């Protein structure tokens, strides 16, 4: 296979979800294969099942090119590696153990190929943590799994939609634990990795980063908490002293309500919902989850597995398609930096 095309590994996520629908809707249009070569880590039998129940959305001529390994992938074709040969029981919209096993196997196989250099980038479809979590998969999400697989300590979950980029200091944890987890060092680490990603991955010169407060009204002079004075402001100041253009802390409600967020290249939130609620209100159907700081490129649609609408031909594929495009854009940006050195 020629390396002129970007080789994209795609995990199939939960087989009972909307994953196969959005994958097939995306690659049903052959134009997307002009710039990339997709390789789905999945099941041809599951593909056939969904083609039968979703005939209206998929061209009769669409089919995956079945291969045994990445080296057999064909340019301008949607390729698929069978991770299992057996039949997989499909229970649309249900969270089942077999679906969890298949999601885990797809992620593990694709990650192995990515680490070994057989893939250029990775796009992961949504999973359900309830059936993926096990004694051997003890991670709060795919982001944490990938960080562990590459021994990456400093990474950031970055939500991207056009010029909106929102990262978080803490990721998947209870709200009651956020204040305990936040520290000056952790905030500095996240600012650093975010700044570096904006430069290398998004080709932004001298990026401007807005840092959000934790408490209402940014603590209102410690009336509502001390985290701003003790942790957040010192982290911003130290980062700025090191020539990173970080500003804040901004009270989240006014920051988004006034449109202030449009003045910055990225936003650093303190916790999951502080980032996700405004992001999904602004770009629910378009957003992409990008893991910045990894040694390779990984994107994912910003939505979940959407079990309640699985198999109904109403799932939008915009977010997944954007995840493919963003992975390719970041790959090119990184290559441009390498080639310019």
Protein backbone atom coordinates (compact mmCIF):
# COMPACT_ATOMS: atom_id res chain seq x y z
CA UNK A 1 0.00 0.00 0.00
CA UNK A 2 1.34 3.42 -0.95
CA UNK A 3 2.09 5.84 1.92
CA UNK A 4 0.75 8.79 -0.10
CA UNK A 5 -2.56 8.23 1.65
CA UNK A 6 -3.02 8.63 5.41
CA UNK A 7 -3.75 5.24 6.95
CA UNK A 8 -6.55 5.53 9.50
CA UNK A 9 -7.32 2.79 11.99
CA UNK A 10 -10.95 2.81 13.14
CA UNK A 11 -12.28 0.92 16.14
CA UNK A 12 -15.90 -0.21 15.90
CA UNK A 13 -16.84 0.66 19.48
CA UNK A 14 -20.00 -0.99 20.82
CA UNK A 15 -21.56 -3.19 18.14
CA UNK A 16 -25.06 -2.58 19.53
CA UNK A 17 -24.72 1.19 19.18
CA UNK A 18 -24.74 3.62 16.26
CA UNK A 19 -21.08 2.90 15.42
CA UNK A 20 -21.57 0.83 12.27
CA UNK A 21 -24.23 3.21 11.05
CA UNK A 22 -21.97 6.27 11.28
CA UNK A 23 -18.96 4.38 9.90
CA UNK A 24 -20.85 3.17 6.84
CA UNK A 25 -22.60 6.51 6.29
CA UNK A 26 -19.19 8.21 6.26
CA UNK A 27 -17.40 5.85 3.90
CA UNK A 28 -20.45 5.37 1.70
CA UNK A 29 -19.20 8.55 0.02
CA UNK A 30 -15.99 7.54 -1.82
CA UNK A 31 -14.69 11.12 -1.93
CA UNK A 32 -13.42 10.86 1.64
CA UNK A 33 -11.06 8.09 0.51
CA UNK A 34 -9.22 10.53 -1.77
CA UNK A 35 -7.06 11.63 1.16
CA UNK A 36 -7.12 8.68 3.52
CA UNK A 37 -7.25 4.90 3.64
CA UNK A 38 -9.63 3.69 6.38
CA UNK A 39 -9.11 0.35 8.11
CA UNK A 40 -11.94 -0.71 10.42
CA UNK A 41 -11.15 -3.18 13.18
CA UNK A 42 -14.49 -4.95 13.27
CA UNK A 43 -16.60 -7.73 11.83
CA UNK A 44 -17.82 -8.25 8.28
CA UNK A 45 -20.76 -10.24 9.67
CA UNK A 46 -21.84 -7.27 11.80
CA UNK A 47 -21.49 -5.05 8.74
CA UNK A 48 -23.78 -7.33 6.76
CA UNK A 49 -26.33 -7.27 9.57
CA UNK A 50 -26.51 -3.48 9.61
CA UNK A 51 -26.58 -3.21 5.83
CA UNK A 52 -29.73 -5.36 5.86
CA UNK A 53 -31.57 -3.28 8.44
CA UNK A 54 -30.35 0.11 7.14
CA UNK A 55 -30.65 -0.35 3.37
CA UNK A 56 -31.87 3.17 2.68
CA UNK A 57 -28.69 4.88 3.84
CA UNK A 58 -26.06 2.66 2.26
CA UNK A 59 -25.39 2.36 -1.46
CA UNK A 60 -26.00 -1.16 -2.83
CA UNK A 61 -22.47 -0.98 -4.23
CA UNK A 62 -20.86 -0.20 -0.89
CA UNK A 63 -18.82 -2.98 0.66
CA UNK A 64 -15.73 -3.29 2.78
CA UNK A 65 -12.54 -4.73 1.36
CA UNK A 66 -11.80 -7.58 3.79
CA UNK A 67 -8.12 -7.89 4.73
CA UNK A 68 -6.07 -9.87 7.24
CA UNK A 69 -3.59 -7.13 8.15
CA UNK A 70 -2.83 -3.48 7.44
CA UNK A 71 -0.34 -4.24 4.68
CA UNK A 72 -3.17 -5.64 2.52
CA UNK A 73 -5.21 -2.41 2.65
CA UNK A 74 -6.26 -1.05 -0.74
CA UNK A 75 -6.16 2.65 -1.56
CA UNK A 76 -9.50 4.43 -2.11
CA UNK A 77 -11.32 1.52 -0.49
CA UNK A 78 -12.92 1.12 2.92
CA UNK A 79 -10.96 -1.78 4.40
CA UNK A 80 -11.94 -4.03 7.30
CA UNK A 81 -9.92 -6.42 9.45
CA UNK A 82 -12.05 -9.16 11.00
CA UNK A 83 -11.13 -9.17 14.68
CA UNK A 84 -13.17 -12.39 15.04
CA UNK A 85 -14.43 -14.91 12.50
CA UNK A 86 -17.39 -16.13 14.58
CA UNK A 87 -20.91 -14.74 14.55
CA UNK A 88 -21.48 -11.94 17.05
CA UNK A 89 -24.88 -11.66 18.69
CA UNK A 90 -26.32 -8.22 18.06
CA UNK A 91 -28.85 -6.76 20.49
CA UNK A 92 -29.46 -3.30 19.15
CA UNK A 93 -29.50 -0.66 21.85
CA UNK A 94 -28.60 -3.12 24.61
CA UNK A 95 -25.47 -3.13 26.77
CA UNK A 96 -24.22 -6.73 26.63
CA UNK A 97 -21.03 -8.52 27.72
CA UNK A 98 -20.16 -9.72 24.20
CA UNK A 99 -20.40 -6.15 22.88
CA UNK A 100 -17.99 -5.06 25.60
CA UNK A 101 -15.56 -7.84 24.68
CA UNK A 102 -15.67 -6.85 21.01
CA UNK A 103 -15.16 -3.16 21.77
CA UNK A 104 -12.17 -3.96 23.95
CA UNK A 105 -10.63 -6.32 21.36
CA UNK A 106 -11.01 -3.78 18.56
CA UNK A 107 -9.33 -1.06 20.62
CA UNK A 108 -6.47 -3.34 21.69
CA UNK A 109 -5.74 -4.58 18.15
CA UNK A 110 -5.86 -1.11 16.60
CA UNK A 111 -3.69 0.36 19.36
CA UNK A 112 -1.09 -2.37 18.84
CA UNK A 113 -0.89 -1.60 15.12
CA UNK A 114 -0.70 2.12 15.83
CA UNK A 115 2.15 1.76 18.34
CA UNK A 116 4.02 -0.51 15.93
CA UNK A 117 3.79 2.15 13.21
CA UNK A 118 1.39 0.28 10.93
CA UNK A 119 -1.19 3.07 11.15
CA UNK A 120 -0.81 6.83 10.86
CA UNK A 121 -3.75 7.86 13.04
CA UNK A 122 -6.57 6.33 15.09
CA UNK A 123 -10.28 7.16 15.22
CA UNK A 124 -12.22 5.45 17.99
CA UNK A 125 -15.98 4.90 17.99
CA UNK A 126 -17.85 5.25 21.30
CA UNK A 127 -17.91 2.46 23.87
CA UNK A 128 -20.03 1.79 26.95
CA UNK A 129 -17.94 1.77 30.08
CA UNK A 130 -20.37 -0.59 31.85
CA UNK A 131 -19.54 -3.57 29.61
CA UNK A 132 -15.93 -2.72 28.70
CA UNK A 133 -14.65 -2.30 32.23
CA UNK A 134 -13.11 -5.51 33.57
CA UNK A 135 -10.28 -6.83 35.73
CA UNK A 136 -7.97 -6.53 32.71
CA UNK A 137 -9.40 -3.22 31.41
CA UNK A 138 -9.37 -1.05 34.49
CA UNK A 139 -9.65 2.38 32.84
CA UNK A 140 -12.23 5.14 33.11
CA UNK A 141 -12.24 5.58 29.34
CA UNK A 142 -10.44 5.00 26.04
CA UNK A 143 -8.38 8.15 26.61
CA UNK A 144 -6.90 6.72 29.80
CA UNK A 145 -6.28 3.35 28.14
CA UNK A 146 -4.32 4.95 25.30
CA UNK A 147 -2.31 7.10 27.71
CA UNK A 148 -1.37 4.01 29.71
CA UNK A 149 -0.52 2.01 26.58
CA UNK A 150 2.00 4.67 25.57
CA UNK A 151 3.13 5.49 29.14
CA UNK A 152 1.98 9.09 28.59
CA UNK A 153 1.65 11.01 31.86
CA UNK A 154 0.73 14.46 30.58
CA UNK A 155 -2.19 14.47 28.15
CA UNK A 156 -5.42 16.38 27.76
CA UNK A 157 -8.90 15.60 26.49
CA UNK A 158 -9.54 18.37 23.96
CA UNK A 159 -12.99 18.96 22.46
CA UNK A 160 -12.76 20.51 19.00
CA UNK A 161 -15.32 22.07 16.66
CA UNK A 162 -14.02 24.50 14.06
CA UNK A 163 -12.25 27.25 16.09
CA UNK A 164 -13.61 26.07 19.45
CA UNK A 165 -11.14 24.00 21.50
CA UNK A 166 -11.91 23.16 25.12
CA UNK A 167 -9.67 21.00 27.30
CA UNK A 168 -10.09 19.84 30.88
CA UNK A 169 -7.72 19.66 33.86
CA UNK A 170 -9.57 16.68 35.33
CA UNK A 171 -11.43 14.15 33.19
CA UNK A 172 -13.72 11.36 34.35
CA UNK A 173 -14.05 11.73 38.09
CA UNK A 174 -16.72 12.54 40.65
CA UNK A 175 -17.47 16.23 41.07
CA UNK A 176 -16.73 15.89 44.79
CA UNK A 177 -13.14 14.89 43.91
CA UNK A 178 -12.35 17.74 41.51
CA UNK A 179 -11.03 20.22 44.07
CA UNK A 180 -8.78 17.56 45.62
CA UNK A 181 -7.36 16.55 42.25
CA UNK A 182 -6.61 20.07 41.05
CA UNK A 183 -3.14 21.40 41.90
CA UNK A 184 -0.91 24.18 40.64
CA UNK A 185 1.41 21.61 39.04
CA UNK A 186 -1.43 19.77 37.30
CA UNK A 187 -2.83 23.00 35.86
CA UNK A 188 0.64 24.00 34.61
CA UNK A 189 1.11 20.57 33.04
CA UNK A 190 -2.23 20.85 31.22
CA UNK A 191 -1.47 24.38 30.04
CA UNK A 192 1.89 23.16 28.69
CA UNK A 193 0.48 20.21 26.75
CA UNK A 194 -2.40 22.33 25.44
CA UNK A 195 -0.05 25.08 24.28
CA UNK A 196 2.23 22.58 22.56
CA UNK A 197 -0.71 20.92 20.82
CA UNK A 198 -2.03 24.23 19.54
CA UNK A 199 1.37 24.94 17.99
CA UNK A 200 2.20 21.50 16.59
CA UNK A 201 -1.22 20.01 15.88
CA UNK A 202 -3.24 23.08 14.93
CA UNK A 203 -0.45 25.23 13.45
CA UNK A 204 -1.28 28.24 15.66
CA UNK A 205 1.57 30.68 16.29
CA UNK A 206 1.64 32.15 19.81
CA UNK A 207 -1.71 30.67 20.88
CA UNK A 208 -3.88 32.39 23.49
CA UNK A 209 -5.32 30.13 26.21
CA UNK A 210 -8.19 31.09 28.51
CA UNK A 211 -8.23 29.33 31.89
CA UNK A 212 -11.57 28.97 33.68
CA UNK A 213 -12.15 29.39 37.39
CA UNK A 214 -13.42 26.53 39.51
CA UNK A 215 -15.84 28.45 41.72
CA UNK A 216 -18.74 30.83 40.92
CA UNK A 217 -17.56 34.37 40.13
CA UNK A 218 -13.97 33.06 40.17
CA UNK A 219 -14.24 32.66 43.93
CA UNK A 220 -15.29 36.31 44.43
CA UNK A 221 -12.14 37.16 46.41
CA UNK A 222 -12.18 33.81 48.23
CA UNK A 223 -15.80 34.27 49.34
CA UNK A 224 -16.77 31.06 47.47
CA UNK A 225 -13.52 29.13 47.65
CA UNK A 226 -9.76 29.50 47.67
CA UNK A 227 -8.72 27.38 44.68
CA UNK A 228 -8.38 30.40 42.39
CA UNK A 229 -5.95 32.25 44.68
CA UNK A 230 -4.03 29.20 45.87
CA UNK A 231 -3.78 27.08 42.70
CA UNK A 232 -5.19 28.54 39.49
CA UNK A 233 -3.78 32.08 39.49
CA UNK A 234 -0.25 30.95 40.45
CA UNK A 235 -0.33 28.35 37.66
CA UNK A 236 -1.43 30.95 35.09
CA UNK A 237 1.26 33.41 36.27
CA UNK A 238 4.05 30.83 36.13
CA UNK A 239 2.95 29.72 32.65
CA UNK A 240 2.82 33.32 31.45
CA UNK A 241 6.31 33.94 32.85
CA UNK A 242 7.46 31.06 30.62
CA UNK A 243 6.07 32.84 27.53
CA UNK A 244 2.86 30.85 27.34
CA UNK A 245 -0.05 33.20 26.72
CA UNK A 246 -2.44 31.94 29.39
CA UNK A 247 -5.11 34.27 30.82
CA UNK A 248 -7.71 34.10 33.59
CA UNK A 249 -9.19 32.70 35.64
CA UNK A 250 -12.55 33.50 34.05
CA UNK A 251 -15.92 32.75 35.64
CA UNK A 252 -17.37 30.16 33.26
CA UNK A 253 -20.92 31.51 33.01
CA UNK A 254 -20.01 35.03 31.93
CA UNK A 255 -17.12 33.79 29.79
CA UNK A 256 -19.40 31.74 27.55
CA UNK A 257 -22.52 33.88 27.91
CA UNK A 258 -20.76 37.03 26.69
CA UNK A 259 -19.00 35.34 23.78
CA UNK A 260 -15.60 36.04 25.34
CA UNK A 261 -14.52 32.51 24.36
CA UNK A 262 -14.27 33.63 20.72
CA UNK A 263 -11.17 35.70 21.56
CA UNK A 264 -9.03 32.68 22.48
CA UNK A 265 -7.47 29.78 20.59
CA UNK A 266 -8.32 27.32 23.36
CA UNK A 267 -10.01 27.12 26.76
CA UNK A 268 -8.87 25.12 29.77
CA UNK A 269 -11.75 24.07 32.03
CA UNK A 270 -11.31 22.61 35.50
CA UNK A 271 -13.69 19.66 35.15
CA UNK A 272 -15.68 17.56 32.70
CA UNK A 273 -19.13 19.21 32.69
CA UNK A 274 -17.70 22.73 32.86
CA UNK A 275 -16.27 22.02 29.41
CA UNK A 276 -18.86 19.65 27.98
CA UNK A 277 -22.06 21.58 28.64
CA UNK A 278 -21.07 24.74 26.70
CA UNK A 279 -19.21 22.72 24.07
CA UNK A 280 -22.18 20.49 23.28
CA UNK A 281 -24.58 23.42 23.31
CA UNK A 282 -22.37 25.15 20.76
CA UNK A 283 -21.54 22.14 18.57
CA UNK A 284 -23.32 18.95 19.62
CA UNK A 285 -23.61 17.53 16.11
CA UNK A 286 -20.14 18.54 14.91
CA UNK A 287 -17.69 18.11 17.77
CA UNK A 288 -14.61 15.89 17.97
CA UNK A 289 -12.76 14.54 21.00
CA UNK A 290 -8.99 14.76 20.46
CA UNK A 291 -6.43 13.38 22.90
CA UNK A 292 -3.58 15.90 22.86
CA UNK A 293 -0.19 14.91 24.23
CA UNK A 294 -0.06 11.33 22.98
CA UNK A 295 2.85 10.26 20.74
CA UNK A 296 0.29 9.44 18.04
CA UNK A 297 -2.95 11.03 16.82
CA UNK A 298 -6.27 9.85 18.20
CA UNK A 299 -9.67 11.40 17.60
CA UNK A 300 -13.22 10.30 18.38
CA UNK A 301 -16.72 11.65 17.81
CA UNK A 302 -17.74 13.84 20.72
CA UNK A 303 -21.03 12.03 21.28
CA UNK A 304 -21.56 8.76 23.10
CA UNK A 305 -22.85 5.41 21.88
CA UNK A 306 -26.43 6.75 21.51
CA UNK A 307 -28.00 3.37 22.27
CA UNK A 308 -31.52 4.83 22.30
CA UNK A 309 -31.40 5.62 18.56
CA UNK A 310 -29.30 2.67 17.37
CA UNK A 311 -30.54 0.88 14.27
CA UNK A 312 -33.10 3.56 13.39
CA UNK A 313 -31.31 5.38 10.56
CA UNK A 314 -31.44 8.71 12.41
CA UNK A 315 -27.88 8.94 13.73
CA UNK A 316 -25.87 11.87 12.36
CA UNK A 317 -22.42 10.95 11.08
CA UNK A 318 -21.12 14.54 11.11
CA UNK A 319 -19.10 14.16 14.30
CA UNK A 320 -17.47 10.90 13.18
CA UNK A 321 -16.70 12.33 9.74
CA UNK A 322 -15.16 15.40 11.38
CA UNK A 323 -13.06 13.10 13.58
CA UNK A 324 -11.64 11.53 10.42
CA UNK A 325 -10.92 14.92 8.84
CA UNK A 326 -9.36 16.34 12.01
CA UNK A 327 -7.06 13.33 12.41
CA UNK A 328 -5.85 13.87 8.83
CA UNK A 329 -5.38 17.62 9.35
CA UNK A 330 -3.31 17.10 12.51
CA UNK A 331 -1.22 14.45 10.78
CA UNK A 332 -0.42 16.89 7.96
CA UNK A 333 0.36 19.72 10.40
CA UNK A 334 2.80 17.52 12.31
CA UNK A 335 4.43 16.40 9.06
CA UNK A 336 4.78 20.00 7.89
CA UNK A 337 6.71 20.80 11.08
CA UNK A 338 8.98 17.76 10.62
CA UNK A 339 9.64 18.62 6.96
CA UNK A 340 10.37 22.27 7.77
CA UNK A 341 13.08 21.41 10.33
